[in-house]
Protein backbone atom coordinates (compact mmCIF):
# COMPACT_ATOMS: atom_id res chain seq x y z
CA MET A 1 -182.35 63.32 -145.56
CA SER A 2 -181.59 64.82 -148.94
CA LYS A 3 -183.75 65.83 -151.89
CA ILE A 4 -182.36 63.87 -154.82
CA CYS A 5 -183.26 64.04 -158.45
CA LEU A 6 -182.29 61.26 -160.88
CA VAL A 7 -182.34 62.39 -164.51
CA THR A 8 -182.90 59.66 -167.03
CA SER A 9 -184.47 58.71 -170.40
CA SER A 10 -184.50 55.07 -169.57
CA LEU A 11 -186.38 53.55 -166.62
CA VAL A 12 -188.07 50.35 -165.50
CA GLY A 13 -191.66 50.68 -166.49
CA PRO A 14 -191.98 53.56 -168.96
CA THR A 15 -189.29 52.25 -171.23
CA ILE A 16 -188.33 48.85 -172.63
CA ASN A 17 -184.79 48.97 -171.35
CA GLY A 18 -181.77 47.10 -170.19
CA GLY A 19 -178.96 48.41 -168.14
CA VAL A 20 -179.27 52.15 -167.34
CA GLY A 21 -182.98 52.15 -166.72
CA THR A 22 -182.74 49.23 -164.42
CA ALA A 23 -179.81 50.72 -162.47
CA ILE A 24 -181.66 54.11 -162.12
CA TYR A 25 -184.79 52.27 -160.85
CA HIS A 26 -182.83 50.31 -158.18
CA LEU A 27 -180.89 53.45 -157.18
CA ALA A 28 -184.17 55.32 -156.76
CA VAL A 29 -185.67 52.58 -154.62
CA ALA A 30 -182.56 52.29 -152.47
CA LEU A 31 -182.44 56.04 -151.84
CA GLN A 32 -186.10 56.14 -151.07
CA ARG A 33 -185.67 53.29 -148.52
CA ALA A 34 -182.82 55.29 -146.93
CA GLN A 35 -185.36 57.97 -146.21
CA HIS A 36 -184.30 60.46 -148.98
CA THR A 37 -186.89 62.36 -151.06
CA VAL A 38 -186.43 60.97 -154.55
CA THR A 39 -187.63 62.51 -157.75
CA ILE A 40 -187.13 60.93 -161.13
CA LEU A 41 -186.94 63.44 -163.99
CA PHE A 42 -187.85 61.25 -166.90
CA ASN A 43 -186.76 63.03 -170.14
CA GLY A 44 -187.31 60.11 -172.48
CA ASN A 45 -190.28 58.88 -174.51
CA ILE A 46 -192.85 56.76 -172.58
CA GLN A 47 -193.00 53.50 -174.43
CA VAL A 48 -195.32 51.63 -172.08
CA LYS A 49 -198.62 52.95 -170.74
CA ASN A 50 -198.74 56.73 -170.18
CA GLU A 51 -197.54 59.56 -167.95
CA LYS A 52 -200.52 59.42 -165.53
CA PHE A 53 -199.95 55.65 -164.97
CA TRP A 54 -196.25 56.04 -164.11
CA VAL A 55 -196.73 59.10 -161.84
CA GLU A 56 -199.24 56.99 -159.78
CA ARG A 57 -197.11 53.76 -159.95
CA TYR A 58 -193.95 55.52 -158.72
CA ARG A 59 -195.95 57.55 -156.04
CA LYS A 60 -197.16 54.24 -154.51
CA ILE A 61 -193.50 53.37 -153.83
CA GLY A 62 -192.67 56.84 -152.49
CA ILE A 63 -190.89 58.24 -155.55
CA ASN A 64 -191.85 61.33 -157.44
CA PHE A 65 -192.08 60.77 -161.22
CA ILE A 66 -191.89 63.85 -163.35
CA PHE A 67 -192.25 63.56 -167.16
CA LEU A 68 -190.08 66.36 -168.56
CA PRO A 69 -192.22 67.31 -171.50
CA SER A 70 -195.11 68.05 -169.02
CA ALA A 71 -192.84 70.00 -166.70
CA VAL A 72 -191.19 72.33 -169.28
CA SER A 73 -193.67 74.28 -171.40
CA THR A 74 -191.24 74.86 -174.35
CA PHE A 75 -190.31 71.16 -174.68
CA ASP A 76 -191.03 69.80 -178.17
CA LEU A 77 -190.97 66.03 -178.65
CA LYS A 78 -190.87 66.60 -182.43
CA ILE A 79 -187.38 67.97 -182.38
CA GLY A 80 -185.72 66.08 -185.12
CA ASP A 81 -182.32 67.89 -185.65
CA THR A 82 -178.99 66.37 -184.93
CA ASN A 83 -178.86 68.07 -181.54
CA TRP A 84 -181.70 65.97 -180.06
CA TRP A 85 -179.53 64.95 -177.09
CA ILE A 86 -178.38 68.43 -176.49
CA TRP A 87 -181.98 69.67 -176.43
CA ARG A 88 -182.85 67.09 -173.85
CA SER A 89 -179.90 68.31 -171.77
CA TYR A 90 -181.03 71.89 -172.16
CA PHE A 91 -184.71 71.16 -171.23
CA SER A 92 -183.53 69.15 -168.28
CA TYR A 93 -181.45 72.10 -167.12
CA GLN A 94 -184.40 74.44 -167.57
CA PHE A 95 -186.43 72.34 -165.21
CA LEU A 96 -183.60 71.74 -162.61
CA LYS A 97 -182.63 75.34 -162.40
CA GLU A 98 -186.08 76.20 -161.05
CA ALA A 99 -186.20 73.15 -158.68
CA ASP A 100 -184.49 72.71 -155.27
CA PHE A 101 -182.49 69.50 -155.02
CA ASP A 102 -179.52 68.77 -152.81
CA ILE A 103 -178.19 66.18 -155.26
CA ILE A 104 -178.75 65.80 -158.97
CA HIS A 105 -177.69 62.48 -160.49
CA PHE A 106 -177.17 61.81 -164.21
CA PRO A 107 -176.01 58.70 -165.94
CA GLU A 108 -173.21 59.54 -168.38
CA THR A 109 -175.16 58.21 -171.34
CA CYS A 110 -176.63 60.81 -173.73
CA GLY A 111 -174.88 63.81 -172.13
CA TYR A 112 -177.99 65.02 -170.15
CA ALA A 113 -175.76 66.61 -167.59
CA PHE A 114 -174.07 69.01 -170.04
CA HIS A 115 -176.03 72.13 -169.51
CA THR A 116 -176.45 71.68 -165.83
CA ILE A 117 -172.70 71.18 -165.29
CA GLN A 118 -171.90 74.12 -167.44
CA ALA A 119 -174.27 76.32 -165.45
CA LYS A 120 -172.63 75.17 -162.18
CA ARG A 121 -169.15 75.90 -163.58
CA THR A 122 -169.95 79.29 -165.21
CA THR A 123 -172.81 80.92 -163.14
CA SER A 124 -173.97 81.03 -159.54
CA GLN A 125 -176.54 78.36 -160.13
CA PHE A 126 -176.35 74.95 -158.41
CA GLN A 127 -173.61 76.14 -156.06
CA ASP A 128 -175.20 74.35 -153.14
CA THR A 129 -176.18 71.33 -155.25
CA GLN A 130 -173.99 68.21 -155.62
CA ILE A 131 -174.02 67.02 -159.25
CA VAL A 132 -173.13 63.35 -159.75
CA VAL A 133 -172.49 61.60 -163.09
CA THR A 134 -172.33 57.87 -162.84
CA MET A 135 -170.36 56.06 -165.48
CA HIS A 136 -172.31 53.35 -167.27
CA SER A 137 -169.51 50.82 -167.24
CA SER A 138 -166.05 50.57 -165.89
CA THR A 139 -162.76 50.93 -167.87
CA GLU A 140 -161.97 47.27 -166.93
CA TRP A 141 -165.27 46.10 -168.44
CA ILE A 142 -164.71 48.08 -171.61
CA ASN A 143 -161.07 46.76 -171.96
CA GLU A 144 -162.25 43.19 -171.47
CA GLY A 145 -164.96 43.71 -173.98
CA MET A 146 -162.56 45.17 -176.48
CA GLU A 147 -160.27 42.09 -176.09
CA CYS A 148 -163.24 39.88 -176.86
CA TRP A 149 -164.32 41.94 -179.81
CA PRO A 150 -161.15 43.41 -181.40
CA LEU A 151 -161.48 45.74 -184.33
CA GLU A 152 -159.79 44.20 -187.38
């Protein structure tokens, strides 16, 4: 049994989403059913209900829901500069470096894994942690889409 953290800004429930949030939700449920300890580090904006609601809702299905702005005291949702995505990566890293997970999973969207991967590559942090980045869509799917919608 592994302790697994899924980092995402899109998730069934707290966000009105499509692909990534649905995929992360089903991955979390499958991992929990396989007896892993699953934590979702939600680093997006809650669009539906509130943090307390989602913490309880996910707890009922055996998944820990952590809302990043509540977990990192320096997080500022009002950051408006062009590095918004980088800041989310940095604050996710700040939380993860203090946590104890066997596996940390990121979708490739938004680059949230950047600081965590850099820390693993350049420091002694995360040396016993497997970091996984799942690609949003396959090269074949992208190539097929590009044939349907050529740039002219």
